[in-house]
């Protein structure tokens, strides 16, 4: 049987260092702490925005895609899940536990997709600073997912170079 499409997915590059200079587990921990810090700073602001939107009597204007009463609780729940998942990531990175890193990878991928799909209809093209911070945060999460995927699935624990400390069989000429 002849294939209609002879397409192969590109291979994910194997990295042994985070940002080309620090070990991968340390890099995951550093980026995990940065992610946790940003999530803990953003969470109270999201809560304030949700409460303000739900309790204000301002006219909401024209909503093209969904109601903020539905959108904001989904985003707050995803932010809370992100905080919990980042704690799981940090524990997994410090203990070098691949099971915890797999749990983080699966749930963080789903959480990131849900957040992006919920945020895209409300993307404001005129708020440049807010968009830059949001895109930085999304980029940080994607790089963190790349590092975790690399540690858990791509990179093997075997070494390319093996050192022999002592050899009993010496050849004399």
C-alpha atoms as a PDB file:
ATOM      1  CA  UNK A   1       0.000   0.000   0.000  1.00  0.00           C
ATOM      2  CA  UNK A   2       1.370   3.390  -0.983  1.00  0.00           C
ATOM      3  CA  UNK A   3       1.384   6.231   1.544  1.00  0.00           C
ATOM      4  CA  UNK A   4      -0.431   9.362   0.535  1.00  0.00           C
ATOM      5  CA  UNK A   5       1.731  11.593   2.670  1.00  0.00           C
ATOM      6  CA  UNK A   6       5.351  10.843   3.425  1.00  0.00           C
ATOM      7  CA  UNK A   7       5.593  13.287   6.328  1.00  0.00           C
ATOM      8  CA  UNK A   8       7.844  12.695   9.321  1.00  0.00           C
ATOM      9  CA  UNK A   9       7.736  14.795  12.435  1.00  0.00           C
ATOM     10  CA  UNK A  10      10.970  16.619  13.162  1.00  0.00           C
ATOM     11  CA  UNK A  11      12.913  15.315  16.102  1.00  0.00           C
ATOM     12  CA  UNK A  12      13.050  17.397  19.236  1.00  0.00           C
ATOM     13  CA  UNK A  13      16.614  18.514  19.887  1.00  0.00           C
ATOM     14  CA  UNK A  14      18.435  16.978  22.818  1.00  0.00           C
ATOM     15  CA  UNK A  15      19.806  19.532  25.226  1.00  0.00           C
ATOM     16  CA  UNK A  16      22.100  18.726  28.098  1.00  0.00           C
ATOM     17  CA  UNK A  17      22.258  22.251  29.475  1.00  0.00           C
ATOM     18  CA  UNK A  18      19.605  24.858  30.156  1.00  0.00           C
ATOM     19  CA  UNK A  19      20.403  28.139  28.382  1.00  0.00           C
ATOM     20  CA  UNK A  20      23.682  26.508  27.230  1.00  0.00           C
ATOM     21  CA  UNK A  21      25.374  26.917  30.601  1.00  0.00           C
ATOM     22  CA  UNK A  22      23.679  25.219  33.584  1.00  0.00           C
ATOM     23  CA  UNK A  23      22.618  21.596  34.106  1.00  0.00           C
ATOM     24  CA  UNK A  24      19.100  20.752  33.001  1.00  0.00           C
ATOM     25  CA  UNK A  25      17.671  19.906  36.432  1.00  0.00           C
ATOM     26  CA  UNK A  26      19.064  23.124  37.900  1.00  0.00           C
ATOM     27  CA  UNK A  27      17.635  25.042  34.939  1.00  0.00           C
ATOM     28  CA  UNK A  28      14.237  23.437  35.466  1.00  0.00           C
ATOM     29  CA  UNK A  29      14.361  24.482  39.116  1.00  0.00           C
ATOM     30  CA  UNK A  30      15.412  28.057  38.234  1.00  0.00           C
ATOM     31  CA  UNK A  31      12.711  28.458  35.599  1.00  0.00           C
ATOM     32  CA  UNK A  32      10.233  26.747  37.928  1.00  0.00           C
ATOM     33  CA  UNK A  33      10.936  29.306  40.652  1.00  0.00           C
ATOM     34  CA  UNK A  34      10.585  32.126  38.096  1.00  0.00           C
ATOM     35  CA  UNK A  35       7.284  30.632  36.910  1.00  0.00           C
ATOM     36  CA  UNK A  36       6.053  30.241  40.479  1.00  0.00           C
ATOM     37  CA  UNK A  37       6.972  33.846  41.284  1.00  0.00           C
ATOM     38  CA  UNK A  38       5.128  35.174  38.243  1.00  0.00           C
ATOM     39  CA  UNK A  39       2.106  32.980  38.966  1.00  0.00           C
ATOM     40  CA  UNK A  40       1.969  34.115  42.599  1.00  0.00           C
ATOM     41  CA  UNK A  41       2.169  37.764  41.506  1.00  0.00           C
ATOM     42  CA  UNK A  42      -0.504  37.324  38.809  1.00  0.00           C
ATOM     43  CA  UNK A  43      -2.974  35.356  40.942  1.00  0.00           C
ATOM     44  CA  UNK A  44      -4.100  38.228  43.233  1.00  0.00           C
ATOM     45  CA  UNK A  45      -4.482  40.492  40.200  1.00  0.00           C
ATOM     46  CA  UNK A  46      -6.650  37.892  38.469  1.00  0.00           C
ATOM     47  CA  UNK A  47      -8.755  37.519  41.613  1.00  0.00           C
ATOM     48  CA  UNK A  48      -9.199  41.300  41.826  1.00  0.00           C
ATOM     49  CA  UNK A  49     -10.151  41.491  38.145  1.00  0.00           C
ATOM     50  CA  UNK A  50     -12.663  38.655  38.535  1.00  0.00           C
ATOM     51  CA  UNK A  51     -14.312  40.152  41.620  1.00  0.00           C
ATOM     52  CA  UNK A  52     -14.367  43.616  40.039  1.00  0.00           C
ATOM     53  CA  UNK A  53     -15.912  42.310  36.828  1.00  0.00           C
ATOM     54  CA  UNK A  54     -18.553  40.231  38.582  1.00  0.00           C
ATOM     55  CA  UNK A  55     -19.609  42.897  41.108  1.00  0.00           C
ATOM     56  CA  UNK A  56     -19.459  46.053  38.987  1.00  0.00           C
ATOM     57  CA  UNK A  57     -22.510  47.588  37.359  1.00  0.00           C
ATOM     58  CA  UNK A  58     -20.549  48.916  34.393  1.00  0.00           C
ATOM     59  CA  UNK A  59     -21.908  48.004  30.994  1.00  0.00           C
ATOM     60  CA  UNK A  60     -19.822  45.208  29.578  1.00  0.00           C
ATOM     61  CA  UNK A  61     -20.013  46.405  26.013  1.00  0.00           C
ATOM     62  CA  UNK A  62     -20.061  44.086  23.080  1.00  0.00           C
ATOM     63  CA  UNK A  63     -18.826  40.587  23.922  1.00  0.00           C
ATOM     64  CA  UNK A  64     -18.112  38.702  20.749  1.00  0.00           C
ATOM     65  CA  UNK A  65     -17.042  35.327  22.071  1.00  0.00           C
ATOM     66  CA  UNK A  66     -17.881  34.641  25.695  1.00  0.00           C
ATOM     67  CA  UNK A  67     -19.005  36.253  28.887  1.00  0.00           C
ATOM     68  CA  UNK A  68     -16.316  37.417  31.370  1.00  0.00           C
ATOM     69  CA  UNK A  69     -18.368  35.735  34.108  1.00  0.00           C
ATOM     70  CA  UNK A  70     -17.367  32.441  32.501  1.00  0.00           C
ATOM     71  CA  UNK A  71     -13.944  33.437  31.168  1.00  0.00           C
ATOM     72  CA  UNK A  72     -12.399  34.842  34.352  1.00  0.00           C
ATOM     73  CA  UNK A  73     -13.224  31.890  36.672  1.00  0.00           C
ATOM     74  CA  UNK A  74     -11.696  29.527  34.088  1.00  0.00           C
ATOM     75  CA  UNK A  75      -8.526  31.627  33.972  1.00  0.00           C
ATOM     76  CA  UNK A  76      -8.347  31.855  37.784  1.00  0.00           C
ATOM     77  CA  UNK A  77      -8.785  28.079  38.075  1.00  0.00           C
ATOM     78  CA  UNK A  78      -6.056  27.538  35.468  1.00  0.00           C
ATOM     79  CA  UNK A  79      -3.743  29.945  37.360  1.00  0.00           C
ATOM     80  CA  UNK A  80      -4.379  28.080  40.617  1.00  0.00           C
ATOM     81  CA  UNK A  81      -3.676  24.773  38.852  1.00  0.00           C
ATOM     82  CA  UNK A  82      -0.488  26.294  37.455  1.00  0.00           C
ATOM     83  CA  UNK A  83       0.682  27.187  40.971  1.00  0.00           C
ATOM     84  CA  UNK A  84       0.022  23.663  42.235  1.00  0.00           C
ATOM     85  CA  UNK A  85       1.691  22.108  39.183  1.00  0.00           C
ATOM     86  CA  UNK A  86       4.744  24.325  39.560  1.00  0.00           C
ATOM     87  CA  UNK A  87       5.145  23.128  43.149  1.00  0.00           C
ATOM     88  CA  UNK A  88       4.985  19.538  41.825  1.00  0.00           C
ATOM     89  CA  UNK A  89       7.602  20.498  39.220  1.00  0.00           C
ATOM     90  CA  UNK A  90       9.940  21.963  41.831  1.00  0.00           C
ATOM     91  CA  UNK A  91       9.662  18.877  44.035  1.00  0.00           C
ATOM     92  CA  UNK A  92      10.314  16.648  41.005  1.00  0.00           C
ATOM     93  CA  UNK A  93      13.300  18.743  39.895  1.00  0.00           C
ATOM     94  CA  UNK A  94      14.919  18.785  43.341  1.00  0.00           C
ATOM     95  CA  UNK A  95      14.431  15.050  43.858  1.00  0.00           C
ATOM     96  CA  UNK A  96      15.139  14.223  40.180  1.00  0.00           C
ATOM     97  CA  UNK A  97      11.909  12.241  40.176  1.00  0.00           C
ATOM     98  CA  UNK A  98      10.846  11.540  36.598  1.00  0.00           C
ATOM     99  CA  UNK A  99       7.336  10.453  37.631  1.00  0.00           C
ATOM    100  CA  UNK A 100       6.585  13.874  39.147  1.00  0.00           C
ATOM    101  CA  UNK A 101       8.064  15.531  36.074  1.00  0.00           C
ATOM    102  CA  UNK A 102       5.803  13.409  33.827  1.00  0.00           C
ATOM    103  CA  UNK A 103       2.782  14.408  35.904  1.00  0.00           C
ATOM    104  CA  UNK A 104       3.789  18.044  35.561  1.00  0.00           C
ATOM    105  CA  UNK A 105       4.369  17.695  31.824  1.00  0.00           C
ATOM    106  CA  UNK A 106       0.957  16.193  31.033  1.00  0.00           C
ATOM    107  CA  UNK A 107      -1.134  18.434  33.253  1.00  0.00           C
ATOM    108  CA  UNK A 108       0.820  21.611  32.471  1.00  0.00           C
ATOM    109  CA  UNK A 109       0.445  21.000  28.734  1.00  0.00           C
ATOM    110  CA  UNK A 110      -3.317  20.653  29.124  1.00  0.00           C
ATOM    111  CA  UNK A 111      -3.491  23.662  31.453  1.00  0.00           C
ATOM    112  CA  UNK A 112      -1.443  25.798  29.051  1.00  0.00           C
ATOM    113  CA  UNK A 113      -3.686  24.875  26.124  1.00  0.00           C
ATOM    114  CA  UNK A 114      -6.874  25.609  28.095  1.00  0.00           C
ATOM    115  CA  UNK A 115      -5.506  28.976  29.212  1.00  0.00           C
ATOM    116  CA  UNK A 116      -4.438  29.938  25.695  1.00  0.00           C
ATOM    117  CA  UNK A 117      -7.766  28.914  24.192  1.00  0.00           C
ATOM    118  CA  UNK A 118      -9.663  30.833  26.862  1.00  0.00           C
ATOM    119  CA  UNK A 119      -7.485  33.955  26.486  1.00  0.00           C
ATOM    120  CA  UNK A 120      -7.298  34.227  22.709  1.00  0.00           C
ATOM    121  CA  UNK A 121     -10.799  35.680  22.219  1.00  0.00           C
ATOM    122  CA  UNK A 122     -10.013  38.427  24.750  1.00  0.00           C
ATOM    123  CA  UNK A 123      -6.577  39.314  23.375  1.00  0.00           C
ATOM    124  CA  UNK A 124      -6.293  43.116  23.331  1.00  0.00           C
ATOM    125  CA  UNK A 125      -4.010  44.360  20.584  1.00  0.00           C
ATOM    126  CA  UNK A 126      -3.781  47.869  22.029  1.00  0.00           C
ATOM    127  CA  UNK A 127      -2.315  46.956  25.449  1.00  0.00           C
ATOM    128  CA  UNK A 128       1.320  46.420  24.489  1.00  0.00           C
ATOM    129  CA  UNK A 129       2.862  46.124  27.963  1.00  0.00           C
ATOM    130  CA  UNK A 130       0.224  43.683  29.163  1.00  0.00           C
ATOM    131  CA  UNK A 131       0.675  41.616  25.997  1.00  0.00           C
ATOM    132  CA  UNK A 132       4.468  41.616  26.320  1.00  0.00           C
ATOM    133  CA  UNK A 133       4.272  40.316  29.901  1.00  0.00           C
ATOM    134  CA  UNK A 134       1.684  37.719  28.882  1.00  0.00           C
ATOM    135  CA  UNK A 135       3.773  36.525  25.918  1.00  0.00           C
ATOM    136  CA  UNK A 136       6.891  36.371  28.116  1.00  0.00           C
ATOM    137  CA  UNK A 137       4.982  34.219  30.620  1.00  0.00           C
ATOM    138  CA  UNK A 138       3.687  31.912  27.857  1.00  0.00           C
ATOM    139  CA  UNK A 139       7.196  31.655  26.378  1.00  0.00           C
ATOM    140  CA  UNK A 140       8.615  30.812  29.801  1.00  0.00           C
ATOM    141  CA  UNK A 141       6.037  28.059  30.237  1.00  0.00           C
ATOM    142  CA  UNK A 142       6.715  26.632  26.776  1.00  0.00           C
ATOM    143  CA  UNK A 143      10.487  26.599  27.394  1.00  0.00           C
ATOM    144  CA  UNK A 144       9.907  24.950  30.757  1.00  0.00           C
ATOM    145  CA  UNK A 145       7.721  22.300  29.097  1.00  0.00           C
ATOM    146  CA  UNK A 146      10.494  21.769  26.513  1.00  0.00           C
ATOM    147  CA  UNK A 147      13.094  21.245  29.248  1.00  0.00           C
ATOM    148  CA  UNK A 148      10.868  18.824  31.172  1.00  0.00           C
ATOM    149  CA  UNK A 149      10.027  16.894  27.999  1.00  0.00           C
ATOM    150  CA  UNK A 150      13.718  16.706  27.212  1.00  0.00           C
ATOM    151  CA  UNK A 151      14.624  15.365  30.653  1.00  0.00           C
ATOM    152  CA  UNK A 152      11.774  12.863  30.829  1.00  0.00           C
ATOM    153  CA  UNK A 153      11.481  11.527  27.294  1.00  0.00           C
ATOM    154  CA  UNK A 154      14.245  12.566  24.913  1.00  0.00           C
ATOM    155  CA  UNK A 155      17.495  12.387  26.804  1.00  0.00           C
ATOM    156  CA  UNK A 156      18.772   9.032  27.878  1.00  0.00           C
ATOM    157  CA  UNK A 157      20.797   8.617  31.013  1.00  0.00           C
ATOM    158  CA  UNK A 158      23.658   6.817  29.316  1.00  0.00           C
ATOM    159  CA  UNK A 159      26.908   8.672  28.913  1.00  0.00           C
ATOM    160  CA  UNK A 160      28.741   9.173  25.629  1.00  0.00           C
ATOM    161  CA  UNK A 161      32.172   9.002  27.251  1.00  0.00           C
ATOM    162  CA  UNK A 162      33.174   6.344  29.737  1.00  0.00           C
ATOM    163  CA  UNK A 163      36.255   6.647  31.870  1.00  0.00           C
ATOM    164  CA  UNK A 164      38.314   3.708  33.080  1.00  0.00           C
ATOM    165  CA  UNK A 165      39.978   4.408  36.395  1.00  0.00           C
ATOM    166  CA  UNK A 166      42.142   1.293  36.636  1.00  0.00           C
ATOM    167  CA  UNK A 167      42.975  -1.463  34.207  1.00  0.00           C
ATOM    168  CA  UNK A 168      44.364  -4.711  35.673  1.00  0.00           C
ATOM    169  CA  UNK A 169      45.602  -6.171  32.417  1.00  0.00           C
ATOM    170  CA  UNK A 170      48.683  -4.216  31.418  1.00  0.00           C
ATOM    171  CA  UNK A 171      50.479  -5.051  28.233  1.00  0.00           C
ATOM    172  CA  UNK A 172      54.263  -4.907  28.395  1.00  0.00           C
ATOM    173  CA  UNK A 173      56.446  -4.874  25.343  1.00  0.00           C
END
